């Protein structure tokens, strides 16, 4: 959710406060108030549903996480409930150090459509019509969003109709794509449609979910597995969440999870875009554009 204008801790100078005008930082800075807790660093909810995955416990940790690109947009759903909070923390665009692998969008040509280049995980992802590179977001895991924003149907804020993220799995020794996708889908749904970083509920929370489909899929020449849920929310039309897991072909070849978050209803992106994006994922080394392999199963 987009935060209101106000003074927040400057992510580049945490001993100062900086004015957030509701959409971007200004150049106005000041000394923080002598008493009371420090102002939070703005952390905009980059999609209408994406919530921070971690790292919100202390001011110093928060600032360090933003600088390193580890801070994400929504809080994990833990034990069926999210952490309540009093204030709304907007987001500021994170700056990734130049030496860190990044996700960039290539320029389209007549023969090659635009793609998002995820150097960290060694893949490219097609940037379809209606999708744009992320703007005013802090989560380095975000690959693309749908174009435009709208007022969230639940708690006040702004939302986006679609979001695609990628992340590297490094916190466990599991390598089975099926096990990884099945373990991730619940977290992905909670992060997208239940609670945001500060405990707000842009969609009124999740009321139920159902399995739409799941199965094996070849991704960038590697065996993968996906799980897709239909999520019903208290407010709004709900949406679809998909977790896709496969093994990277670069570096340590750690598993990769690509998350898809699509609003349901007429305003959401076409559900077929999930299949199109998955089929279009390529290895960075695959200059020929092949290597996707089998289809991802029947469509809805």
C-alpha atoms as a PDB file:
ATOM      1  CA  UNK A   1       0.000   0.000   0.000  1.00  0.00           C
ATOM      2  CA  UNK A   2       1.196   3.491  -0.783  1.00  0.00           C
ATOM      3  CA  UNK A   3       1.812   5.446   2.462  1.00  0.00           C
ATOM      4  CA  UNK A   4       0.616   8.969   3.200  1.00  0.00           C
ATOM      5  CA  UNK A   5       3.006  11.945   2.966  1.00  0.00           C
ATOM      6  CA  UNK A   6       5.141  12.445   6.035  1.00  0.00           C
ATOM      7  CA  UNK A   7       8.572  12.392   7.669  1.00  0.00           C
ATOM      8  CA  UNK A   8      10.271   8.989   7.664  1.00  0.00           C
ATOM      9  CA  UNK A   9      13.751   7.724   8.441  1.00  0.00           C
ATOM     10  CA  UNK A  10      16.076   8.359   5.481  1.00  0.00           C
ATOM     11  CA  UNK A  11      17.290   4.937   4.192  1.00  0.00           C
ATOM     12  CA  UNK A  12      20.565   6.527   3.080  1.00  0.00           C
ATOM     13  CA  UNK A  13      21.120   8.540   6.261  1.00  0.00           C
ATOM     14  CA  UNK A  14      19.312   6.805   9.142  1.00  0.00           C
ATOM     15  CA  UNK A  15      20.280   9.544  11.609  1.00  0.00           C
ATOM     16  CA  UNK A  16      18.005  11.935   9.654  1.00  0.00           C
ATOM     17  CA  UNK A  17      14.366  12.032   8.616  1.00  0.00           C
ATOM     18  CA  UNK A  18      13.306  12.673   5.004  1.00  0.00           C
ATOM     19  CA  UNK A  19      10.009  13.905   3.529  1.00  0.00           C
ATOM     20  CA  UNK A  20       7.962  11.340   1.549  1.00  0.00           C
ATOM     21  CA  UNK A  21       5.378  13.158  -0.638  1.00  0.00           C
ATOM     22  CA  UNK A  22       3.137  10.125  -1.047  1.00  0.00           C
ATOM     23  CA  UNK A  23       4.795   8.788  -4.208  1.00  0.00           C
ATOM     24  CA  UNK A  24       8.526   9.518  -3.931  1.00  0.00           C
ATOM     25  CA  UNK A  25      11.253  10.968  -1.709  1.00  0.00           C
ATOM     26  CA  UNK A  26      11.931  14.724  -1.791  1.00  0.00           C
ATOM     27  CA  UNK A  27      15.215  16.442  -0.951  1.00  0.00           C
ATOM     28  CA  UNK A  28      13.902  17.811   2.353  1.00  0.00           C
ATOM     29  CA  UNK A  29      15.628  16.365   5.426  1.00  0.00           C
ATOM     30  CA  UNK A  30      15.598  17.180   9.135  1.00  0.00           C
ATOM     31  CA  UNK A  31      16.913  16.021  12.477  1.00  0.00           C
ATOM     32  CA  UNK A  32      14.588  13.440  14.063  1.00  0.00           C
ATOM     33  CA  UNK A  33      12.450  14.330  17.070  1.00  0.00           C
ATOM     34  CA  UNK A  34      14.436  14.084  20.328  1.00  0.00           C
ATOM     35  CA  UNK A  35      11.927  11.712  21.962  1.00  0.00           C
ATOM     36  CA  UNK A  36       9.856   8.744  20.933  1.00  0.00           C
ATOM     37  CA  UNK A  37      10.705   5.888  18.575  1.00  0.00           C
ATOM     38  CA  UNK A  38      12.467   6.673  15.267  1.00  0.00           C
ATOM     39  CA  UNK A  39      10.292   7.216  12.221  1.00  0.00           C
ATOM     40  CA  UNK A  40      10.029   4.089  10.052  1.00  0.00           C
ATOM     41  CA  UNK A  41      11.552   3.853   6.617  1.00  0.00           C
ATOM     42  CA  UNK A  42       8.775   4.055   3.995  1.00  0.00           C
ATOM     43  CA  UNK A  43       8.109   0.660   2.437  1.00  0.00           C
ATOM     44  CA  UNK A  44       5.477   0.824  -0.321  1.00  0.00           C
ATOM     45  CA  UNK A  45       3.448  -2.306  -1.015  1.00  0.00           C
ATOM     46  CA  UNK A  46       4.663  -2.858  -4.567  1.00  0.00           C
ATOM     47  CA  UNK A  47       1.779  -4.947  -5.705  1.00  0.00           C
ATOM     48  CA  UNK A  48      -1.782  -4.894  -4.625  1.00  0.00           C
ATOM     49  CA  UNK A  49      -1.076  -8.051  -2.745  1.00  0.00           C
ATOM     50  CA  UNK A  50       2.628  -8.632  -2.261  1.00  0.00           C
ATOM     51  CA  UNK A  51       3.594  -8.548   1.390  1.00  0.00           C
ATOM     52  CA  UNK A  52       6.993  -8.455   3.024  1.00  0.00           C
ATOM     53  CA  UNK A  53       8.555 -11.840   3.586  1.00  0.00           C
ATOM     54  CA  UNK A  54      10.787 -10.877   6.508  1.00  0.00           C
ATOM     55  CA  UNK A  55      13.059  -8.445   8.359  1.00  0.00           C
ATOM     56  CA  UNK A  56      10.920  -5.902  10.207  1.00  0.00           C
ATOM     57  CA  UNK A  57      12.088  -6.306  13.794  1.00  0.00           C
ATOM     58  CA  UNK A  58      14.357  -3.300  14.413  1.00  0.00           C
ATOM     59  CA  UNK A  59      15.228   0.033  12.834  1.00  0.00           C
ATOM     60  CA  UNK A  60      18.867  -0.789  12.237  1.00  0.00           C
ATOM     61  CA  UNK A  61      18.049  -4.182  10.735  1.00  0.00           C
ATOM     62  CA  UNK A  62      15.369  -2.580   8.551  1.00  0.00           C
ATOM     63  CA  UNK A  63      17.713   0.055   7.138  1.00  0.00           C
ATOM     64  CA  UNK A  64      20.452  -2.488   6.515  1.00  0.00           C
ATOM     65  CA  UNK A  65      17.991  -4.779   4.781  1.00  0.00           C
ATOM     66  CA  UNK A  66      16.776  -2.008   2.455  1.00  0.00           C
ATOM     67  CA  UNK A  67      20.340  -1.084   1.476  1.00  0.00           C
ATOM     68  CA  UNK A  68      21.239  -4.696   0.685  1.00  0.00           C
ATOM     69  CA  UNK A  69      18.028  -5.392  -1.161  1.00  0.00           C
ATOM     70  CA  UNK A  70      16.998  -8.081   1.334  1.00  0.00           C
ATOM     71  CA  UNK A  71      13.998  -6.191   2.671  1.00  0.00           C
ATOM     72  CA  UNK A  72      10.779  -7.281   1.047  1.00  0.00           C
ATOM     73  CA  UNK A  73       7.321  -5.917   0.766  1.00  0.00           C
ATOM     74  CA  UNK A  74       5.088  -7.970   2.944  1.00  0.00           C
ATOM     75  CA  UNK A  75       5.312  -9.864   6.215  1.00  0.00           C
ATOM     76  CA  UNK A  76       5.065 -13.638   6.226  1.00  0.00           C
ATOM     77  CA  UNK A  77       1.839 -15.114   7.437  1.00  0.00           C
ATOM     78  CA  UNK A  78       2.829 -16.917  10.633  1.00  0.00           C
ATOM     79  CA  UNK A  79       0.660 -19.420  12.378  1.00  0.00           C
ATOM     80  CA  UNK A  80      -2.483 -18.248  10.606  1.00  0.00           C
ATOM     81  CA  UNK A  81      -2.221 -14.649  11.842  1.00  0.00           C
ATOM     82  CA  UNK A  82      -0.082 -11.675  10.950  1.00  0.00           C
ATOM     83  CA  UNK A  83       1.602  -9.246  13.299  1.00  0.00           C
ATOM     84  CA  UNK A  84      -0.627  -6.295  14.092  1.00  0.00           C
ATOM     85  CA  UNK A  85       0.834  -2.824  13.802  1.00  0.00           C
ATOM     86  CA  UNK A  86      -0.323   0.710  14.434  1.00  0.00           C
ATOM     87  CA  UNK A  87       1.374   2.664  11.668  1.00  0.00           C
ATOM     88  CA  UNK A  88       1.620   2.197   7.914  1.00  0.00           C
ATOM     89  CA  UNK A  89       5.146   1.933   6.525  1.00  0.00           C
ATOM     90  CA  UNK A  90       5.471   3.032   2.895  1.00  0.00           C
ATOM     91  CA  UNK A  91       8.213   1.746   0.633  1.00  0.00           C
ATOM     92  CA  UNK A  92      11.077   3.486  -1.046  1.00  0.00           C
ATOM     93  CA  UNK A  93      12.859   2.217  -4.148  1.00  0.00           C
ATOM     94  CA  UNK A  94      15.835   0.161  -3.024  1.00  0.00           C
ATOM     95  CA  UNK A  95      19.233   0.755  -4.601  1.00  0.00           C
ATOM     96  CA  UNK A  96      21.122  -2.407  -5.485  1.00  0.00           C
ATOM     97  CA  UNK A  97      24.954  -2.215  -5.300  1.00  0.00           C
ATOM     98  CA  UNK A  98      26.466  -2.260  -8.759  1.00  0.00           C
ATOM     99  CA  UNK A  99      28.433  -5.438  -8.070  1.00  0.00           C
ATOM    100  CA  UNK A 100      25.281  -7.377  -7.088  1.00  0.00           C
ATOM    101  CA  UNK A 101      23.528  -9.437  -9.804  1.00  0.00           C
ATOM    102  CA  UNK A 102      20.272  -7.715 -10.663  1.00  0.00           C
ATOM    103  CA  UNK A 103      17.044  -8.043 -12.616  1.00  0.00           C
ATOM    104  CA  UNK A 104      16.846  -5.743 -15.639  1.00  0.00           C
ATOM    105  CA  UNK A 105      14.533  -5.396 -18.620  1.00  0.00           C
ATOM    106  CA  UNK A 106      16.124  -5.627 -22.038  1.00  0.00           C
ATOM    107  CA  UNK A 107      15.062  -3.389 -24.881  1.00  0.00           C
ATOM    108  CA  UNK A 108      12.668  -5.112 -27.314  1.00  0.00           C
ATOM    109  CA  UNK A 109      13.535  -5.585 -30.967  1.00  0.00           C
ATOM    110  CA  UNK A 110      11.529  -6.589 -33.998  1.00  0.00           C
ATOM    111  CA  UNK A 111      12.524 -10.241 -33.563  1.00  0.00           C
ATOM    112  CA  UNK A 112      12.950 -10.464 -29.795  1.00  0.00           C
ATOM    113  CA  UNK A 113      10.317  -9.142 -27.362  1.00  0.00           C
ATOM    114  CA  UNK A 114      11.312  -7.484 -24.109  1.00  0.00           C
ATOM    115  CA  UNK A 115      12.399  -9.752 -21.284  1.00  0.00           C
ATOM    116  CA  UNK A 116      13.291  -9.351 -17.643  1.00  0.00           C
ATOM    117  CA  UNK A 117      16.852 -10.509 -17.072  1.00  0.00           C
ATOM    118  CA  UNK A 118      17.334 -12.132 -13.666  1.00  0.00           C
ATOM    119  CA  UNK A 119      21.109 -12.459 -13.462  1.00  0.00           C
ATOM    120  CA  UNK A 120      21.063 -13.768  -9.905  1.00  0.00           C
ATOM    121  CA  UNK A 121      19.063 -16.855 -10.862  1.00  0.00           C
ATOM    122  CA  UNK A 122      20.401 -17.098 -14.413  1.00  0.00           C
ATOM    123  CA  UNK A 123      17.098 -16.729 -16.257  1.00  0.00           C
ATOM    124  CA  UNK A 124      15.174 -14.361 -18.501  1.00  0.00           C
ATOM    125  CA  UNK A 125      11.404 -13.958 -18.215  1.00  0.00           C
ATOM    126  CA  UNK A 126       9.217 -12.549 -21.025  1.00  0.00           C
ATOM    127  CA  UNK A 127       7.657  -9.129 -20.423  1.00  0.00           C
ATOM    128  CA  UNK A 128       4.195  -9.570 -21.910  1.00  0.00           C
ATOM    129  CA  UNK A 129       1.801  -6.873 -23.087  1.00  0.00           C
ATOM    130  CA  UNK A 130       0.179  -5.162 -20.111  1.00  0.00           C
ATOM    131  CA  UNK A 131       3.188  -5.828 -17.862  1.00  0.00           C
ATOM    132  CA  UNK A 132       5.905  -3.355 -16.918  1.00  0.00           C
ATOM    133  CA  UNK A 133       9.172  -3.306 -15.018  1.00  0.00           C
ATOM    134  CA  UNK A 134       8.614  -2.542 -11.320  1.00  0.00           C
ATOM    135  CA  UNK A 135       8.555   1.108 -10.224  1.00  0.00           C
ATOM    136  CA  UNK A 136       8.528   2.569  -6.689  1.00  0.00           C
ATOM    137  CA  UNK A 137       9.071  -0.849  -5.149  1.00  0.00           C
ATOM    138  CA  UNK A 138      11.610  -1.970  -2.585  1.00  0.00           C
ATOM    139  CA  UNK A 139      11.594  -5.736  -3.123  1.00  0.00           C
ATOM    140  CA  UNK A 140      14.432  -6.876  -5.362  1.00  0.00           C
ATOM    141  CA  UNK A 141      12.561 -10.167  -5.877  1.00  0.00           C
ATOM    142  CA  UNK A 142       9.963  -8.423  -8.044  1.00  0.00           C
ATOM    143  CA  UNK A 143      10.390  -9.112 -11.749  1.00  0.00           C
ATOM    144  CA  UNK A 144       7.368  -7.308 -13.172  1.00  0.00           C
ATOM    145  CA  UNK A 145       3.962  -5.856 -12.349  1.00  0.00           C
ATOM    146  CA  UNK A 146       0.844  -5.037 -14.294  1.00  0.00           C
ATOM    147  CA  UNK A 147       0.625  -1.461 -15.493  1.00  0.00           C
ATOM    148  CA  UNK A 148      -1.201   0.952 -13.177  1.00  0.00           C
ATOM    149  CA  UNK A 149      -2.560   0.889  -9.637  1.00  0.00           C
ATOM    150  CA  UNK A 150      -5.995   1.011  -7.986  1.00  0.00           C
ATOM    151  CA  UNK A 151      -7.510   1.602  -4.551  1.00  0.00           C
ATOM    152  CA  UNK A 152      -7.370  -1.574  -2.470  1.00  0.00           C
ATOM    153  CA  UNK A 153     -10.847  -2.949  -1.668  1.00  0.00           C
ATOM    154  CA  UNK A 154     -10.001  -3.563   2.012  1.00  0.00           C
ATOM    155  CA  UNK A 155      -7.757  -1.445   4.217  1.00  0.00           C
ATOM    156  CA  UNK A 156      -6.792   1.878   2.587  1.00  0.00           C
ATOM    157  CA  UNK A 157      -3.902   1.841   0.145  1.00  0.00           C
ATOM    158  CA  UNK A 158      -3.073   1.242  -3.502  1.00  0.00           C
ATOM    159  CA  UNK A 159      -2.888  -2.159  -5.164  1.00  0.00           C
ATOM    160  CA  UNK A 160      -1.768  -3.696  -8.453  1.00  0.00           C
ATOM    161  CA  UNK A 161      -3.640  -6.353 -10.420  1.00  0.00           C
ATOM    162  CA  UNK A 162      -0.637  -8.570 -11.149  1.00  0.00           C
ATOM    163  CA  UNK A 163       2.835  -9.381  -9.859  1.00  0.00           C
ATOM    164  CA  UNK A 164       5.630 -11.837 -10.710  1.00  0.00           C
ATOM    165  CA  UNK A 165       8.560 -12.420  -8.345  1.00  0.00           C
ATOM    166  CA  UNK A 166      11.571 -14.730  -8.249  1.00  0.00           C
ATOM    167  CA  UNK A 167      13.727 -15.782  -5.337  1.00  0.00           C
ATOM    168  CA  UNK A 168      16.568 -18.187  -4.653  1.00  0.00           C
ATOM    169  CA  UNK A 169      15.963 -20.951  -2.103  1.00  0.00           C
ATOM    170  CA  UNK A 170      18.872 -20.903   0.345  1.00  0.00           C
ATOM    171  CA  UNK A 171      17.250 -21.503   3.738  1.00  0.00           C
ATOM    172  CA  UNK A 172      16.879 -25.292   3.529  1.00  0.00           C
ATOM    173  CA  UNK A 173      18.454 -28.332   1.900  1.00  0.00           C
ATOM    174  CA  UNK A 174      15.343 -29.386  -0.016  1.00  0.00           C
ATOM    175  CA  UNK A 175      15.942 -29.720  -3.754  1.00  0.00           C
ATOM    176  CA  UNK A 176      12.766 -31.444  -4.957  1.00  0.00           C
ATOM    177  CA  UNK A 177      10.802 -28.953  -7.101  1.00  0.00           C
ATOM    178  CA  UNK A 178       7.542 -30.630  -6.094  1.00  0.00           C
ATOM    179  CA  UNK A 179       8.284 -30.357  -2.363  1.00  0.00           C
ATOM    180  CA  UNK A 180       9.468 -26.757  -2.730  1.00  0.00           C
ATOM    181  CA  UNK A 181       6.421 -25.610  -4.693  1.00  0.00           C
ATOM    182  CA  UNK A 182       3.994 -27.345  -2.346  1.00  0.00           C
ATOM    183  CA  UNK A 183       5.720 -25.811   0.684  1.00  0.00           C
ATOM    184  CA  UNK A 184       5.814 -22.317  -0.823  1.00  0.00           C
ATOM    185  CA  UNK A 185       2.245 -21.900  -2.082  1.00  0.00           C
ATOM    186  CA  UNK A 186       0.677 -21.224   1.323  1.00  0.00           C
ATOM    187  CA  UNK A 187       3.293 -18.593   2.140  1.00  0.00           C
ATOM    188  CA  UNK A 188       2.853 -17.052  -1.302  1.00  0.00           C
ATOM    189  CA  UNK A 189      -0.919 -16.802  -0.853  1.00  0.00           C
ATOM    190  CA  UNK A 190      -0.621 -15.240   2.600  1.00  0.00           C
ATOM    191  CA  UNK A 191       1.985 -12.766   1.369  1.00  0.00           C
ATOM    192  CA  UNK A 192      -0.238 -11.773  -1.532  1.00  0.00           C
ATOM    193  CA  UNK A 193      -3.738 -11.564  -0.092  1.00  0.00           C
ATOM    194  CA  UNK A 194      -3.800 -11.802   3.692  1.00  0.00           C
ATOM    195  CA  UNK A 195      -1.794  -9.233   5.674  1.00  0.00           C
ATOM    196  CA  UNK A 196       0.748  -6.644   4.613  1.00  0.00           C
ATOM    197  CA  UNK A 197       3.941  -5.619   6.346  1.00  0.00           C
ATOM    198  CA  UNK A 198       2.253  -3.625   9.086  1.00  0.00           C
ATOM    199  CA  UNK A 199      -0.667  -5.965   9.710  1.00  0.00           C
ATOM    200  CA  UNK A 200      -3.154  -4.223   7.427  1.00  0.00           C
ATOM    201  CA  UNK A 201      -5.447  -6.224   5.174  1.00  0.00           C
ATOM    202  CA  UNK A 202      -5.762  -4.636   1.717  1.00  0.00           C
ATOM    203  CA  UNK A 203      -8.210  -7.402   0.713  1.00  0.00           C
ATOM    204  CA  UNK A 204      -9.794  -8.036   4.108  1.00  0.00           C
ATOM    205  CA  UNK A 205      -7.816 -11.253   4.535  1.00  0.00           C
ATOM    206  CA  UNK A 206      -8.123 -14.714   3.002  1.00  0.00           C
ATOM    207  CA  UNK A 207     -11.372 -16.577   3.603  1.00  0.00           C
ATOM    208  CA  UNK A 208     -10.643 -19.781   1.669  1.00  0.00           C
ATOM    209  CA  UNK A 209      -8.572 -21.290  -1.109  1.00  0.00           C
ATOM    210  CA  UNK A 210      -8.821 -24.165  -3.561  1.00  0.00           C
ATOM    211  CA  UNK A 211      -6.284 -26.041  -5.630  1.00  0.00           C
ATOM    212  CA  UNK A 212      -6.709 -25.159  -9.307  1.00  0.00           C
ATOM    213  CA  UNK A 213      -4.003 -27.397 -10.707  1.00  0.00           C
ATOM    214  CA  UNK A 214      -0.488 -28.646 -10.088  1.00  0.00           C
ATOM    215  CA  UNK A 215       2.064 -30.740 -11.905  1.00  0.00           C
ATOM    216  CA  UNK A 216       5.543 -31.138 -13.384  1.00  0.00           C
ATOM    217  CA  UNK A 217       6.871 -28.661 -15.910  1.00  0.00           C
ATOM    218  CA  UNK A 218      10.170 -28.162 -17.738  1.00  0.00           C
ATOM    219  CA  UNK A 219      11.548 -24.663 -17.142  1.00  0.00           C
ATOM    220  CA  UNK A 220      14.618 -23.329 -18.939  1.00  0.00           C
ATOM    221  CA  UNK A 221      15.645 -26.897 -19.686  1.00  0.00           C
ATOM    222  CA  UNK A 222      15.278 -28.000 -16.057  1.00  0.00           C
ATOM    223  CA  UNK A 223      12.664 -30.181 -14.389  1.00  0.00           C
ATOM    224  CA  UNK A 224      10.241 -28.107 -12.351  1.00  0.00           C
ATOM    225  CA  UNK A 225       6.906 -28.269 -10.572  1.00  0.00           C
ATOM    226  CA  UNK A 226       4.096 -25.759 -10.040  1.00  0.00           C
ATOM    227  CA  UNK A 227       1.083 -25.387  -7.726  1.00  0.00           C
ATOM    228  CA  UNK A 228      -1.755 -22.934  -8.453  1.00  0.00           C
ATOM    229  CA  UNK A 229      -4.405 -21.812  -5.942  1.00  0.00           C
ATOM    230  CA  UNK A 230      -7.583 -19.802  -6.322  1.00  0.00           C
ATOM    231  CA  UNK A 231      -7.854 -17.542  -3.282  1.00  0.00           C
ATOM    232  CA  UNK A 232     -11.103 -15.984  -2.040  1.00  0.00           C
ATOM    233  CA  UNK A 233     -10.813 -12.825   0.044  1.00  0.00           C
ATOM    234  CA  UNK A 234     -13.206 -10.950   2.311  1.00  0.00           C
ATOM    235  CA  UNK A 235     -13.064  -7.883   0.032  1.00  0.00           C
ATOM    236  CA  UNK A 236     -12.627  -7.776  -3.713  1.00  0.00           C
ATOM    237  CA  UNK A 237     -12.659 -10.632  -6.220  1.00  0.00           C
ATOM    238  CA  UNK A 238      -9.679 -12.495  -4.721  1.00  0.00           C
ATOM    239  CA  UNK A 239      -7.112 -13.914  -7.069  1.00  0.00           C
ATOM    240  CA  UNK A 240      -4.812 -16.678  -8.247  1.00  0.00           C
ATOM    241  CA  UNK A 241      -1.430 -17.497  -6.729  1.00  0.00           C
ATOM    242  CA  UNK A 242       1.119 -19.850  -8.262  1.00  0.00           C
ATOM    243  CA  UNK A 243       4.444 -21.171  -6.948  1.00  0.00           C
ATOM    244  CA  UNK A 244       6.814 -22.532  -9.602  1.00  0.00           C
ATOM    245  CA  UNK A 245      10.021 -24.277  -8.458  1.00  0.00           C
ATOM    246  CA  UNK A 246      12.971 -25.433 -10.559  1.00  0.00           C
ATOM    247  CA  UNK A 247      16.738 -25.641 -10.319  1.00  0.00           C
ATOM    248  CA  UNK A 248      18.936 -22.829 -11.588  1.00  0.00           C
ATOM    249  CA  UNK A 249      21.631 -23.575 -14.150  1.00  0.00           C
ATOM    250  CA  UNK A 250      24.087 -20.974 -12.824  1.00  0.00           C
ATOM    251  CA  UNK A 251      26.288 -20.509  -9.766  1.00  0.00           C
ATOM    252  CA  UNK A 252      25.544 -23.033  -7.030  1.00  0.00           C
ATOM    253  CA  UNK A 253      22.496 -24.202  -9.022  1.00  0.00           C
ATOM    254  CA  UNK A 254      20.279 -23.443  -6.038  1.00  0.00           C
ATOM    255  CA  UNK A 255      16.555 -23.971  -6.548  1.00  0.00           C
ATOM    256  CA  UNK A 256      14.536 -21.005  -7.810  1.00  0.00           C
ATOM    257  CA  UNK A 257      10.923 -20.188  -6.979  1.00  0.00           C
ATOM    258  CA  UNK A 258       8.898 -17.912  -9.248  1.00  0.00           C
ATOM    259  CA  UNK A 259       5.682 -16.602  -7.675  1.00  0.00           C
ATOM    260  CA  UNK A 260       2.717 -15.361  -9.672  1.00  0.00           C
ATOM    261  CA  UNK A 261      -0.036 -13.200  -8.146  1.00  0.00           C
ATOM    262  CA  UNK A 262      -3.018 -12.397 -10.389  1.00  0.00           C
ATOM    263  CA  UNK A 263      -6.209 -10.640  -9.324  1.00  0.00           C
ATOM    264  CA  UNK A 264      -9.363 -12.491 -10.333  1.00  0.00           C
ATOM    265  CA  UNK A 265     -12.210 -10.736 -12.110  1.00  0.00           C
ATOM    266  CA  UNK A 266     -12.364  -8.720 -15.306  1.00  0.00           C
ATOM    267  CA  UNK A 267      -9.620  -6.310 -14.213  1.00  0.00           C
ATOM    268  CA  UNK A 268      -7.046  -9.003 -13.458  1.00  0.00           C
ATOM    269  CA  UNK A 269      -4.478 -10.103 -16.046  1.00  0.00           C
ATOM    270  CA  UNK A 270      -5.369 -13.082 -18.267  1.00  0.00           C
ATOM    271  CA  UNK A 271      -4.798 -16.309 -16.369  1.00  0.00           C
ATOM    272  CA  UNK A 272      -3.154 -17.681 -19.507  1.00  0.00           C
ATOM    273  CA  UNK A 273      -0.302 -15.234 -18.875  1.00  0.00           C
ATOM    274  CA  UNK A 274       0.912 -17.559 -16.111  1.00  0.00           C
ATOM    275  CA  UNK A 275       1.421 -20.324 -18.672  1.00  0.00           C
ATOM    276  CA  UNK A 276       2.870 -17.947 -21.265  1.00  0.00           C
ATOM    277  CA  UNK A 277       5.393 -16.527 -18.813  1.00  0.00           C
ATOM    278  CA  UNK A 278       6.387 -19.994 -17.606  1.00  0.00           C
ATOM    279  CA  UNK A 279       6.850 -21.275 -21.155  1.00  0.00           C
ATOM    280  CA  UNK A 280       8.938 -18.205 -21.999  1.00  0.00           C
ATOM    281  CA  UNK A 281      11.452 -18.556 -19.155  1.00  0.00           C
ATOM    282  CA  UNK A 282      14.939 -19.138 -20.574  1.00  0.00           C
ATOM    283  CA  UNK A 283      18.401 -19.700 -19.201  1.00  0.00           C
ATOM    284  CA  UNK A 284      20.732 -16.728 -19.650  1.00  0.00           C
ATOM    285  CA  UNK A 285      23.046 -19.105 -21.486  1.00  0.00           C
ATOM    286  CA  UNK A 286      20.276 -20.149 -23.868  1.00  0.00           C
ATOM    287  CA  UNK A 287      20.850 -17.614 -26.634  1.00  0.00           C
ATOM    288  CA  UNK A 288      18.896 -19.736 -29.060  1.00  0.00           C
ATOM    289  CA  UNK A 289      15.653 -19.274 -27.169  1.00  0.00           C
ATOM    290  CA  UNK A 290      14.891 -22.994 -26.698  1.00  0.00           C
ATOM    291  CA  UNK A 291      15.087 -25.401 -23.841  1.00  0.00           C
ATOM    292  CA  UNK A 292      11.722 -24.961 -22.204  1.00  0.00           C
ATOM    293  CA  UNK A 293      10.612 -28.503 -22.856  1.00  0.00           C
ATOM    294  CA  UNK A 294       7.175 -29.945 -22.151  1.00  0.00           C
ATOM    295  CA  UNK A 295       4.000 -28.005 -21.644  1.00  0.00           C
ATOM    296  CA  UNK A 296       2.777 -27.139 -18.190  1.00  0.00           C
ATOM    297  CA  UNK A 297      -0.397 -29.144 -18.398  1.00  0.00           C
ATOM    298  CA  UNK A 298      -3.990 -28.427 -19.337  1.00  0.00           C
ATOM    299  CA  UNK A 299      -5.345 -24.906 -19.165  1.00  0.00           C
ATOM    300  CA  UNK A 300      -8.353 -23.915 -17.071  1.00  0.00           C
END
